[in-house]
PDB file of N, CA and C in Angstrom:
ATOM      1  N   MET A   1      -6.616  14.959  29.334  1.00  0.00           N
ATOM      2  CA  MET A   1      -5.302  14.503  30.026  1.00  0.00           C
ATOM      3  C   MET A   1      -5.774  13.393  30.924  1.00  0.00           C
ATOM      4  N   LEU A   2      -6.766  13.435  31.692  1.00  0.00           N
ATOM      5  CA  LEU A   2      -7.355  12.360  32.517  1.00  0.00           C
ATOM      6  C   LEU A   2      -7.671  11.120  31.857  1.00  0.00           C
ATOM      7  N   ARG A   3      -8.266  11.291  30.712  1.00  0.00           N
ATOM      8  CA  ARG A   3      -8.588  10.119  29.869  1.00  0.00           C
ATOM      9  C   ARG A   3      -7.334   9.409  29.490  1.00  0.00           C
ATOM     10  N   ILE A   4      -6.317  10.119  29.077  1.00  0.00           N
ATOM     11  CA  ILE A   4      -5.116   9.466  28.646  1.00  0.00           C
ATOM     12  C   ILE A   4      -4.541   8.596  29.893  1.00  0.00           C
ATOM     13  N   PHE A   5      -4.443   9.333  31.004  1.00  0.00           N
ATOM     14  CA  PHE A   5      -3.897   8.610  32.201  1.00  0.00           C
ATOM     15  C   PHE A   5      -4.722   7.369  32.564  1.00  0.00           C
ATOM     16  N   LYS A   6      -5.991   7.462  32.327  1.00  0.00           N
ATOM     17  CA  LYS A   6      -6.823   6.294  32.612  1.00  0.00           C
ATOM     18  C   LYS A   6      -6.420   5.123  31.667  1.00  0.00           C
ATOM     19  N   GLU A   7      -6.079   5.522  30.434  1.00  0.00           N
ATOM     20  CA  GLU A   7      -5.812   4.553  29.308  1.00  0.00           C
ATOM     21  C   GLU A   7      -4.517   3.936  29.772  1.00  0.00           C
ATOM     22  N   LEU A   8      -3.582   4.830  30.251  1.00  0.00           N
ATOM     23  CA  LEU A   8      -2.266   4.264  30.543  1.00  0.00           C
ATOM     24  C   LEU A   8      -2.118   3.340  31.789  1.00  0.00           C
ATOM     25  N   ASP A   9      -2.983   3.692  32.707  1.00  0.00           N
ATOM     26  CA  ASP A   9      -3.098   2.995  34.032  1.00  0.00           C
ATOM     27  C   ASP A   9      -4.028   1.657  33.905  1.00  0.00           C
ATOM     28  N   ILE A  10      -3.385   0.831  33.268  1.00  0.00           N
ATOM     29  CA  ILE A  10      -4.150  -0.433  32.835  1.00  0.00           C
ATOM     30  C   ILE A  10      -4.665  -1.317  34.125  1.00  0.00           C
ATOM     31  N   ASN A  11      -3.834  -1.405  35.069  1.00  0.00           N
ATOM     32  CA  ASN A  11      -4.330  -2.018  36.385  1.00  0.00           C
ATOM     33  C   ASN A  11      -5.153  -1.067  37.335  1.00  0.00           C
ATOM     34  N   ASP A  12      -5.318   0.020  37.002  1.00  0.00           N
ATOM     35  CA  ASP A  12      -6.232   1.033  37.803  1.00  0.00           C
ATOM     36  C   ASP A  12      -5.621   1.081  39.216  1.00  0.00           C
ATOM     37  N   ASP A  13      -4.327   1.130  39.301  1.00  0.00           N
ATOM     38  CA  ASP A  13      -3.871   1.482  40.782  1.00  0.00           C
ATOM     39  C   ASP A  13      -3.310   2.878  40.891  1.00  0.00           C
ATOM     40  N   LYS A  14      -3.829   3.812  40.005  1.00  0.00           N
ATOM     41  CA  LYS A  14      -3.528   5.219  40.121  1.00  0.00           C
ATOM     42  C   LYS A  14      -1.980   5.562  39.802  1.00  0.00           C
ATOM     43  N   ARG A  15      -1.319   4.546  39.334  1.00  0.00           N
ATOM     44  CA  ARG A  15       0.070   4.852  38.933  1.00  0.00           C
ATOM     45  C   ARG A  15       0.298   4.236  37.542  1.00  0.00           C
ATOM     46  N   ILE A  16       1.293   4.845  36.850  1.00  0.00           N
ATOM     47  CA  ILE A  16       1.611   4.343  35.597  1.00  0.00           C
ATOM     48  C   ILE A  16       3.031   3.733  35.619  1.00  0.00           C
ATOM     49  N   SER A  17       3.061   2.407  35.489  1.00  0.00           N
ATOM     50  CA  SER A  17       4.391   1.748  35.541  1.00  0.00           C
ATOM     51  C   SER A  17       5.037   1.703  34.266  1.00  0.00           C
ATOM     52  N   LYS A  18       6.358   1.336  34.276  1.00  0.00           N
ATOM     53  CA  LYS A  18       7.101   1.347  33.082  1.00  0.00           C
ATOM     54  C   LYS A  18       6.342   0.353  32.114  1.00  0.00           C
ATOM     55  N   GLN A  19       6.064  -0.841  32.608  1.00  0.00           N
ATOM     56  CA  GLN A  19       5.485  -1.764  31.871  1.00  0.00           C
ATOM     57  C   GLN A  19       4.025  -1.310  31.033  1.00  0.00           C
ATOM     58  N   GLU A  20       3.248  -0.622  31.963  1.00  0.00           N
ATOM     59  CA  GLU A  20       2.106  -0.061  31.440  1.00  0.00           C
ATOM     60  C   GLU A  20       2.372   0.953  30.295  1.00  0.00           C
ATOM     61  N   PHE A  21       3.505   1.795  30.544  1.00  0.00           N
ATOM     62  CA  PHE A  21       3.858   2.838  29.499  1.00  0.00           C
ATOM     63  C   PHE A  21       4.313   2.127  28.265  1.00  0.00           C
ATOM     64  N   LYS A  22       5.120   1.137  28.378  1.00  0.00           N
ATOM     65  CA  LYS A  22       5.642   0.359  27.247  1.00  0.00           C
ATOM     66  C   LYS A  22       4.532  -0.249  26.501  1.00  0.00           C
ATOM     67  N   LEU A  23       3.645  -0.838  27.286  1.00  0.00           N
ATOM     68  CA  LEU A  23       2.463  -1.537  26.619  1.00  0.00           C
ATOM     69  C   LEU A  23       1.682  -0.639  25.747  1.00  0.00           C
ATOM     70  N   TYR A  24       1.355   0.565  26.349  1.00  0.00           N
ATOM     71  CA  TYR A  24       0.525   1.596  25.696  1.00  0.00           C
ATOM     72  C   TYR A  24       1.212   2.109  24.494  1.00  0.00           C
ATOM     73  N   LYS A  25       2.606   2.314  24.678  1.00  0.00           N
ATOM     74  CA  LYS A  25       3.331   2.707  23.481  1.00  0.00           C
ATOM     75  C   LYS A  25       3.344   1.771  22.353  1.00  0.00           C
ATOM     76  N   ASN A  26       3.364   0.412  22.752  1.00  0.00           N
ATOM     77  CA  ASN A  26       3.334  -0.638  21.662  1.00  0.00           C
ATOM     78  C   ASN A  26       1.960  -0.592  20.957  1.00  0.00           C
ATOM     79  N   ILE A  27       0.821  -0.394  21.884  1.00  0.00           N
ATOM     80  CA  ILE A  27      -0.458  -0.374  21.301  1.00  0.00           C
ATOM     81  C   ILE A  27      -0.612   0.791  20.307  1.00  0.00           C
ATOM     82  N   LEU A  28      -0.067   1.950  20.732  1.00  0.00           N
ATOM     83  CA  LEU A  28      -0.177   3.083  19.874  1.00  0.00           C
ATOM     84  C   LEU A  28       0.628   2.879  18.536  1.00  0.00           C
ATOM     85  N   LEU A  29       1.836   2.245  18.535  1.00  0.00           N
ATOM     86  CA  LEU A  29       2.595   2.068  17.435  1.00  0.00           C
ATOM     87  C   LEU A  29       1.780   0.987  16.522  1.00  0.00           C
ATOM     88  N   GLU A  30       1.148   0.004  17.016  1.00  0.00           N
ATOM     89  CA  GLU A  30       0.325  -0.969  16.240  1.00  0.00           C
ATOM     90  C   GLU A  30      -0.760  -0.299  15.519  1.00  0.00           C
ATOM     91  N   ARG A  31      -1.520   0.588  16.269  1.00  0.00           N
ATOM     92  CA  ARG A  31      -2.556   1.311  15.675  1.00  0.00           C
ATOM     93  C   ARG A  31      -1.984   2.192  14.519  1.00  0.00           C
ATOM     94  N   GLU A  32      -0.938   2.786  14.723  1.00  0.00           N
ATOM     95  CA  GLU A  32      -0.238   3.542  13.590  1.00  0.00           C
ATOM     96  C   GLU A  32       0.103   2.701  12.379  1.00  0.00           C
ATOM     97  N   LYS A  33       0.669   1.540  12.662  1.00  0.00           N
ATOM     98  CA  LYS A  33       0.860   0.558  11.591  1.00  0.00           C
ATOM     99  C   LYS A  33      -0.341   0.237  10.741  1.00  0.00           C
ATOM    100  N   ARG A  34      -1.376  -0.060  11.556  1.00  0.00           N
ATOM    101  CA  ARG A  34      -2.616  -0.554  10.869  1.00  0.00           C
ATOM    102  C   ARG A  34      -3.158   0.726  10.042  1.00  0.00           C
ATOM    103  N   PHE A  35      -3.203   1.892  10.649  1.00  0.00           N
ATOM    104  CA  PHE A  35      -3.570   3.044   9.932  1.00  0.00           C
ATOM    105  C   PHE A  35      -2.856   3.352   8.622  1.00  0.00           C
ATOM    106  N   ASN A  36      -1.447   3.328   8.778  1.00  0.00           N
ATOM    107  CA  ASN A  36      -0.651   3.418   7.608  1.00  0.00           C
ATOM    108  C   ASN A  36      -0.851   2.327   6.557  1.00  0.00           C
ATOM    109  N   ARG A  37      -1.014   1.079   7.023  1.00  0.00           N
ATOM    110  CA  ARG A  37      -1.294  -0.025   6.038  1.00  0.00           C
ATOM    111  C   ARG A  37      -2.732   0.206   5.428  1.00  0.00           C
ATOM    112  N   ALA A  38      -3.666   0.636   6.173  1.00  0.00           N
ATOM    113  CA  ALA A  38      -4.962   1.022   5.466  1.00  0.00           C
ATOM    114  C   ALA A  38      -4.863   2.086   4.403  1.00  0.00           C
ATOM    115  N   SER A  39      -4.047   3.117   4.871  1.00  0.00           N
ATOM    116  CA  SER A  39      -3.981   4.199   3.883  1.00  0.00           C
ATOM    117  C   SER A  39      -3.186   3.757   2.632  1.00  0.00           C
ATOM    118  N   PHE A  40      -2.184   2.922   2.843  1.00  0.00           N
ATOM    119  CA  PHE A  40      -1.497   2.371   1.706  1.00  0.00           C
ATOM    120  C   PHE A  40      -2.416   1.524   0.788  1.00  0.00           C
ATOM    121  N   GLU A  41      -3.254   0.646   1.371  1.00  0.00           N
ATOM    122  CA  GLU A  41      -4.202  -0.144   0.693  1.00  0.00           C
ATOM    123  C   GLU A  41      -5.098   0.611  -0.082  1.00  0.00           C
ATOM    124  N   GLU A  42      -5.662   1.799   0.419  1.00  0.00           N
ATOM    125  CA  GLU A  42      -6.553   2.710  -0.209  1.00  0.00           C
ATOM    126  C   GLU A  42      -5.873   3.263  -1.583  1.00  0.00           C
ATOM    127  N   LYS A  43      -4.707   3.765  -1.268  1.00  0.00           N
ATOM    128  CA  LYS A  43      -3.960   4.425  -2.419  1.00  0.00           C
ATOM    129  C   LYS A  43      -3.624   3.308  -3.472  1.00  0.00           C
ATOM    130  N   LEU A  44      -3.224   2.173  -3.066  1.00  0.00           N
ATOM    131  CA  LEU A  44      -3.024   1.115  -3.986  1.00  0.00           C
ATOM    132  C   LEU A  44      -4.188   0.734  -4.798  1.00  0.00           C
ATOM    133  N   SER A  45      -5.368   0.601  -4.147  1.00  0.00           N
ATOM    134  CA  SER A  45      -6.498   0.342  -4.775  1.00  0.00           C
ATOM    135  C   SER A  45      -7.013   1.365  -5.861  1.00  0.00           C
ATOM    136  N   SER A  46      -6.711   2.605  -5.439  1.00  0.00           N
ATOM    137  CA  SER A  46      -6.997   3.757  -6.382  1.00  0.00           C
ATOM    138  C   SER A  46      -6.229   3.630  -7.564  1.00  0.00           C
ATOM    139  N   ILE A  47      -4.968   3.539  -7.397  1.00  0.00           N
ATOM    140  CA  ILE A  47      -3.989   3.532  -8.627  1.00  0.00           C
ATOM    141  C   ILE A  47      -4.231   2.249  -9.407  1.00  0.00           C
ATOM    142  N   PHE A  48      -4.471   1.129  -8.763  1.00  0.00           N
ATOM    143  CA  PHE A  48      -4.656   0.003  -9.570  1.00  0.00           C
ATOM    144  C   PHE A  48      -5.996   0.110 -10.421  1.00  0.00           C
ATOM    145  N   ALA A  49      -7.007   0.696  -9.782  1.00  0.00           N
ATOM    146  CA  ALA A  49      -8.369   0.853 -10.582  1.00  0.00           C
ATOM    147  C   ALA A  49      -8.056   1.866 -11.776  1.00  0.00           C
ATOM    148  N   LEU A  50      -7.236   2.879 -11.519  1.00  0.00           N
ATOM    149  CA  LEU A  50      -6.969   3.755 -12.633  1.00  0.00           C
ATOM    150  C   LEU A  50      -6.395   3.013 -13.857  1.00  0.00           C
ATOM    151  N   PHE A  51      -5.557   2.009 -13.678  1.00  0.00           N
ATOM    152  CA  PHE A  51      -5.043   1.242 -14.803  1.00  0.00           C
ATOM    153  C   PHE A  51      -5.916   0.126 -15.292  1.00  0.00           C
ATOM    154  N   ASP A  52      -6.610  -0.460 -14.346  1.00  0.00           N
ATOM    155  CA  ASP A  52      -7.545  -1.598 -14.628  1.00  0.00           C
ATOM    156  C   ASP A  52      -8.773  -1.064 -15.266  1.00  0.00           C
ATOM    157  N   ARG A  53      -8.712  -0.633 -16.422  1.00  0.00           N
ATOM    158  CA  ARG A  53      -9.818   0.107 -17.119  1.00  0.00           C
ATOM    159  C   ARG A  53     -10.975  -0.768 -17.394  1.00  0.00           C
ATOM    160  N   ASN A  54     -10.811  -2.048 -17.593  1.00  0.00           N
ATOM    161  CA  ASN A  54     -11.923  -2.895 -17.848  1.00  0.00           C
ATOM    162  C   ASN A  54     -12.441  -3.598 -16.615  1.00  0.00           C
ATOM    163  N   GLN A  55     -11.785  -3.389 -15.468  1.00  0.00           N
ATOM    164  CA  GLN A  55     -12.173  -3.949 -14.074  1.00  0.00           C
ATOM    165  C   GLN A  55     -12.165  -5.322 -14.105  1.00  0.00           C
ATOM    166  N   ASP A  56     -11.331  -5.993 -14.543  1.00  0.00           N
ATOM    167  CA  ASP A  56     -11.235  -7.477 -14.577  1.00  0.00           C
ATOM    168  C   ASP A  56     -10.103  -7.965 -13.562  1.00  0.00           C
ATOM    169  N   ASN A  57      -9.645  -7.041 -12.819  1.00  0.00           N
ATOM    170  CA  ASN A  57      -8.617  -7.261 -11.701  1.00  0.00           C
ATOM    171  C   ASN A  57      -7.243  -7.514 -12.151  1.00  0.00           C
ATOM    172  N   TYR A  58      -7.076  -7.234 -13.395  1.00  0.00           N
ATOM    173  CA  TYR A  58      -5.648  -7.362 -14.026  1.00  0.00           C
ATOM    174  C   TYR A  58      -5.480  -6.127 -14.812  1.00  0.00           C
ATOM    175  N   ILE A  59      -4.056  -5.873 -15.018  1.00  0.00           N
ATOM    176  CA  ILE A  59      -3.652  -4.738 -15.830  1.00  0.00           C
ATOM    177  C   ILE A  59      -2.886  -5.304 -17.104  1.00  0.00           C
ATOM    178  N   SER A  60      -3.276  -4.939 -18.306  1.00  0.00           N
ATOM    179  CA  SER A  60      -2.763  -5.487 -19.494  1.00  0.00           C
ATOM    180  C   SER A  60      -1.768  -4.444 -19.983  1.00  0.00           C
ATOM    181  N   PRO A  61      -0.936  -4.787 -20.916  1.00  0.00           N
ATOM    182  CA  PRO A  61      -0.015  -3.768 -21.650  1.00  0.00           C
ATOM    183  C   PRO A  61      -0.935  -2.720 -22.299  1.00  0.00           C
ATOM    184  N   HIS A  62      -2.006  -3.140 -22.865  1.00  0.00           N
ATOM    185  CA  HIS A  62      -2.976  -2.261 -23.529  1.00  0.00           C
ATOM    186  C   HIS A  62      -3.404  -1.187 -22.478  1.00  0.00           C
ATOM    187  N   GLU A  63      -3.909  -1.503 -21.333  1.00  0.00           N
ATOM    188  CA  GLU A  63      -4.286  -0.840 -20.298  1.00  0.00           C
ATOM    189  C   GLU A  63      -3.234   0.316 -19.869  1.00  0.00           C
ATOM    190  N   ILE A  64      -2.076  -0.232 -19.774  1.00  0.00           N
ATOM    191  CA  ILE A  64      -1.009   0.691 -19.287  1.00  0.00           C
ATOM    192  C   ILE A  64      -0.775   1.885 -20.434  1.00  0.00           C
ATOM    193  N   ARG A  65      -0.811   1.438 -21.749  1.00  0.00           N
ATOM    194  CA  ARG A  65      -0.513   2.331 -22.751  1.00  0.00           C
ATOM    195  C   ARG A  65      -1.729   3.363 -22.757  1.00  0.00           C
ATOM    196  N   GLU A  66      -2.949   2.868 -22.653  1.00  0.00           N
ATOM    197  CA  GLU A  66      -4.172   3.722 -22.693  1.00  0.00           C
ATOM    198  C   GLU A  66      -4.126   4.673 -21.512  1.00  0.00           C
ATOM    199  N   THR A  67      -3.838   4.179 -20.308  1.00  0.00           N
ATOM    200  CA  THR A  67      -3.928   5.112 -19.149  1.00  0.00           C
ATOM    201  C   THR A  67      -2.918   6.111 -19.258  1.00  0.00           C
ATOM    202  N   MET A  68      -1.643   5.716 -19.655  1.00  0.00           N
ATOM    203  CA  MET A  68      -0.642   6.737 -19.744  1.00  0.00           C
ATOM    204  C   MET A  68      -0.904   7.801 -20.854  1.00  0.00           C
ATOM    205  N   HIS A  69      -1.485   7.347 -21.949  1.00  0.00           N
ATOM    206  CA  HIS A  69      -1.831   8.268 -22.952  1.00  0.00           C
ATOM    207  C   HIS A  69      -2.953   9.215 -22.303  1.00  0.00           C
ATOM    208  N   ASN A  70      -3.834   8.798 -21.620  1.00  0.00           N
ATOM    209  CA  ASN A  70      -4.973   9.569 -21.083  1.00  0.00           C
ATOM    210  C   ASN A  70      -4.387  10.600 -19.976  1.00  0.00           C
ATOM    211  N   LEU A  71      -3.353  10.210 -19.551  1.00  0.00           N
ATOM    212  CA  LEU A  71      -2.504  11.008 -18.529  1.00  0.00           C
ATOM    213  C   LEU A  71      -1.677  12.135 -19.176  1.00  0.00           C
ATOM    214  N   GLY A  72      -1.701  11.978 -20.519  1.00  0.00           N
ATOM    215  CA  GLY A  72      -0.801  12.959 -21.269  1.00  0.00           C
ATOM    216  C   GLY A  72       0.663  12.367 -21.490  1.00  0.00           C
ATOM    217  N   GLU A  73       0.821  11.016 -21.277  1.00  0.00           N
ATOM    218  CA  GLU A  73       2.242  10.475 -21.384  1.00  0.00           C
ATOM    219  C   GLU A  73       2.140   9.467 -22.549  1.00  0.00           C
ATOM    220  N   ASN A  74       3.024   9.750 -23.634  1.00  0.00           N
ATOM    221  CA  ASN A  74       3.124   8.752 -24.601  1.00  0.00           C
ATOM    222  C   ASN A  74       4.215   7.813 -24.249  1.00  0.00           C
ATOM    223  N   ILE A  75       3.802   6.589 -23.958  1.00  0.00           N
ATOM    224  CA  ILE A  75       4.808   5.678 -23.544  1.00  0.00           C
ATOM    225  C   ILE A  75       5.348   4.596 -24.610  1.00  0.00           C
ATOM    226  N   ASP A  76       6.448   4.370 -24.809  1.00  0.00           N
ATOM    227  CA  ASP A  76       7.160   3.522 -25.719  1.00  0.00           C
ATOM    228  C   ASP A  76       6.814   2.025 -25.372  1.00  0.00           C
ATOM    229  N   ASP A  77       6.563   1.463 -26.516  1.00  0.00           N
ATOM    230  CA  ASP A  77       6.240  -0.055 -26.332  1.00  0.00           C
ATOM    231  C   ASP A  77       7.305  -0.832 -25.599  1.00  0.00           C
ATOM    232  N   ASN A  78       8.600  -0.485 -25.816  1.00  0.00           N
ATOM    233  CA  ASN A  78       9.624  -1.179 -25.271  1.00  0.00           C
ATOM    234  C   ASN A  78       9.609  -0.923 -23.596  1.00  0.00           C
ATOM    235  N   LEU A  79       9.213   0.335 -23.177  1.00  0.00           N
ATOM    236  CA  LEU A  79       9.048   0.614 -21.877  1.00  0.00           C
ATOM    237  C   LEU A  79       8.008  -0.195 -21.159  1.00  0.00           C
ATOM    238  N   ILE A  80       6.888  -0.417 -21.841  1.00  0.00           N
ATOM    239  CA  ILE A  80       5.755  -1.253 -21.508  1.00  0.00           C
ATOM    240  C   ILE A  80       6.215  -2.647 -21.294  1.00  0.00           C
ATOM    241  N   GLU A  81       6.876  -2.983 -22.206  1.00  0.00           N
ATOM    242  CA  GLU A  81       7.474  -4.456 -22.204  1.00  0.00           C
ATOM    243  C   GLU A  81       8.358  -4.713 -21.026  1.00  0.00           C
ATOM    244  N   GLU A  82       9.204  -3.784 -20.743  1.00  0.00           N
ATOM    245  CA  GLU A  82      10.153  -3.781 -19.507  1.00  0.00           C
ATOM    246  C   GLU A  82       9.349  -3.885 -18.232  1.00  0.00           C
ATOM    247  N   MET A  83       8.143  -2.973 -18.175  1.00  0.00           N
ATOM    248  CA  MET A  83       7.394  -2.897 -17.030  1.00  0.00           C
ATOM    249  C   MET A  83       6.673  -4.276 -16.815  1.00  0.00           C
ATOM    250  N   MET A  84       6.288  -4.882 -17.894  1.00  0.00           N
ATOM    251  CA  MET A  84       5.657  -6.200 -17.780  1.00  0.00           C
ATOM    252  C   MET A  84       6.602  -7.221 -17.325  1.00  0.00           C
ATOM    253  N   GLN A  85       7.651  -7.231 -17.853  1.00  0.00           N
ATOM    254  CA  GLN A  85       8.788  -8.194 -17.434  1.00  0.00           C
ATOM    255  C   GLN A  85       9.114  -8.068 -15.987  1.00  0.00           C
ATOM    256  N   THR A  86       9.067  -6.888 -15.494  1.00  0.00           N
ATOM    257  CA  THR A  86       9.475  -6.610 -14.172  1.00  0.00           C
ATOM    258  C   THR A  86       8.205  -7.105 -13.162  1.00  0.00           C
ATOM    259  N   ALA A  87       7.092  -6.666 -13.539  1.00  0.00           N
ATOM    260  CA  ALA A  87       5.794  -6.746 -12.721  1.00  0.00           C
ATOM    261  C   ALA A  87       5.108  -8.103 -12.873  1.00  0.00           C
ATOM    262  N   ASP A  88       5.113  -8.637 -14.016  1.00  0.00           N
ATOM    263  CA  ASP A  88       4.345  -9.866 -14.301  1.00  0.00           C
ATOM    264  C   ASP A  88       5.169 -11.152 -13.805  1.00  0.00           C
ATOM    265  N   ILE A  89       4.993 -11.417 -12.588  1.00  0.00           N
ATOM    266  CA  ILE A  89       5.759 -12.507 -11.903  1.00  0.00           C
ATOM    267  C   ILE A  89       5.364 -13.888 -12.424  1.00  0.00           C
ATOM    268  N   ASP A  90       4.163 -14.047 -12.767  1.00  0.00           N
ATOM    269  CA  ASP A  90       3.850 -15.408 -13.257  1.00  0.00           C
ATOM    270  C   ASP A  90       3.719 -15.478 -14.672  1.00  0.00           C
ATOM    271  N   HIS A  91       4.132 -14.366 -15.353  1.00  0.00           N
ATOM    272  CA  HIS A  91       4.368 -14.402 -16.790  1.00  0.00           C
ATOM    273  C   HIS A  91       3.157 -14.803 -17.618  1.00  0.00           C
ATOM    274  N   ASP A  92       2.018 -14.333 -17.129  1.00  0.00           N
ATOM    275  CA  ASP A  92       0.718 -14.570 -17.807  1.00  0.00           C
ATOM    276  C   ASP A  92       0.326 -13.454 -18.727  1.00  0.00           C
ATOM    277  N   GLY A  93       1.137 -12.475 -19.012  1.00  0.00           N
ATOM    278  CA  GLY A  93       0.839 -11.356 -19.742  1.00  0.00           C
ATOM    279  C   GLY A  93      -0.044 -10.286 -19.266  1.00  0.00           C
ATOM    280  N   ARG A  94      -0.292 -10.288 -17.922  1.00  0.00           N
ATOM    281  CA  ARG A  94      -1.003  -9.262 -17.318  1.00  0.00           C
ATOM    282  C   ARG A  94      -0.568  -9.141 -15.811  1.00  0.00           C
ATOM    283  N   ILE A  95      -0.859  -7.976 -15.276  1.00  0.00           N
ATOM    284  CA  ILE A  95      -0.430  -7.802 -13.760  1.00  0.00           C
ATOM    285  C   ILE A  95      -1.568  -7.810 -12.868  1.00  0.00           C
ATOM    286  N   SER A  96      -1.441  -8.715 -11.968  1.00  0.00           N
ATOM    287  CA  SER A  96      -2.512  -8.893 -10.918  1.00  0.00           C
ATOM    288  C   SER A  96      -2.342  -7.754  -9.877  1.00  0.00           C
ATOM    289  N   ARG A  97      -3.355  -7.638  -9.071  1.00  0.00           N
ATOM    290  CA  ARG A  97      -3.191  -6.660  -7.980  1.00  0.00           C
ATOM    291  C   ARG A  97      -2.147  -7.040  -7.012  1.00  0.00           C
ATOM    292  N   ASP A  98      -1.980  -8.231  -6.790  1.00  0.00           N
ATOM    293  CA  ASP A  98      -0.764  -8.724  -5.925  1.00  0.00           C
ATOM    294  C   ASP A  98       0.649  -8.427  -6.523  1.00  0.00           C
ATOM    295  N   GLU A  99       0.716  -8.699  -7.850  1.00  0.00           N
ATOM    296  CA  GLU A  99       1.912  -8.252  -8.525  1.00  0.00           C
ATOM    297  C   GLU A  99       2.186  -6.814  -8.451  1.00  0.00           C
ATOM    298  N   PHE A 100       1.025  -6.063  -8.631  1.00  0.00           N
ATOM    299  CA  PHE A 100       1.226  -4.626  -8.707  1.00  0.00           C
ATOM    300  C   PHE A 100       1.632  -4.135  -7.329  1.00  0.00           C
ATOM    301  N   GLU A 101       1.006  -4.644  -6.286  1.00  0.00           N
ATOM    302  CA  GLU A 101       1.482  -4.202  -4.891  1.00  0.00           C
ATOM    303  C   GLU A 101       2.958  -4.560  -4.611  1.00  0.00           C
ATOM    304  N   LYS A 102       3.489  -5.679  -5.116  1.00  0.00           N
ATOM    305  CA  LYS A 102       4.796  -5.961  -4.901  1.00  0.00           C
ATOM    306  C   LYS A 102       5.630  -5.010  -5.601  1.00  0.00           C
ATOM    307  N   LEU A 103       5.249  -4.731  -6.916  1.00  0.00           N
ATOM    308  CA  LEU A 103       6.061  -3.698  -7.759  1.00  0.00           C
ATOM    309  C   LEU A 103       6.133  -2.358  -6.988  1.00  0.00           C
ATOM    310  N   LEU A 104       4.954  -1.912  -6.582  1.00  0.00           N
ATOM    311  CA  LEU A 104       4.977  -0.622  -5.757  1.00  0.00           C
ATOM    312  C   LEU A 104       5.800  -0.618  -4.626  1.00  0.00           C
ATOM    313  N   ILE A 105       5.755  -1.653  -3.781  1.00  0.00           N
ATOM    314  CA  ILE A 105       6.573  -1.762  -2.539  1.00  0.00           C
ATOM    315  C   ILE A 105       8.112  -1.772  -2.900  1.00  0.00           C
ATOM    316  N   GLN A 106       8.407  -2.608  -4.029  1.00  0.00           N
ATOM    317  CA  GLN A 106       9.831  -2.591  -4.455  1.00  0.00           C
ATOM    318  C   GLN A 106      10.268  -1.131  -4.927  1.00  0.00           C
ATOM    319  N   LEU A 107       9.442  -0.494  -5.719  1.00  0.00           N
ATOM    320  CA  LEU A 107       9.814   0.845  -6.136  1.00  0.00           C
ATOM    321  C   LEU A 107       9.972   1.876  -4.925  1.00  0.00           C
ATOM    322  N   LEU A 108       8.944   1.753  -4.043  1.00  0.00           N
ATOM    323  CA  LEU A 108       9.032   2.660  -2.833  1.00  0.00           C
ATOM    324  C   LEU A 108      10.195   2.454  -1.903  1.00  0.00           C
ATOM    325  N   SER A 109      10.619   1.185  -1.885  1.00  0.00           N
ATOM    326  CA  SER A 109      11.679   0.787  -0.919  1.00  0.00           C
ATOM    327  C   SER A 109      13.037   1.326  -1.637  1.00  0.00           C
ATOM    328  N   LYS A 110      13.104   1.624  -2.764  1.00  0.00           N
ATOM    329  CA  LYS A 110      14.273   2.055  -3.370  1.00  0.00           C
ATOM    330  C   LYS A 110      14.567   3.541  -3.063  1.00  0.00           C
ATOM    331  N   LYS A 111      13.445   4.272  -2.727  1.00  0.00           N
ATOM    332  CA  LYS A 111      13.579   5.760  -2.457  1.00  0.00           C
ATOM    333  C   LYS A 111      14.290   6.025  -1.133  1.00  0.00           C
TER     334      LYS A 111
END
C-alpha cells in the first residue's frame, strides 16, 4: 500500500492531489493499452505463422486451403476467393501480415 502511495505522490509532498491521481490513472491506462497491444501482436503473429506455411511473410490461397484442411476444415475454393478479395488489398494474389492484421481488426470490430 505504501509503495502505491509513493507512486501516486509524484511531487513527494505526502499528499495525493487530483492531478497526481489523474496522471497516475492515465499512466496505468497507457500501460494496459500497451499490454493489450502486445498481447494482440503475439496472437496475430501466431495465427499468421499458422497460415504462412512456407514462412515467406505472405499467405497464399494454397496456404489457406492447406491450413484449413489440416485443421479439419474443407474449404470451398469460392470461399477462399472471397477471402482473398476481402483481405488482399493490393491485389497481388497473396495476403501480407499488414493486410492480415487489417482483416482481423475489421472482423473483431464487427463483434
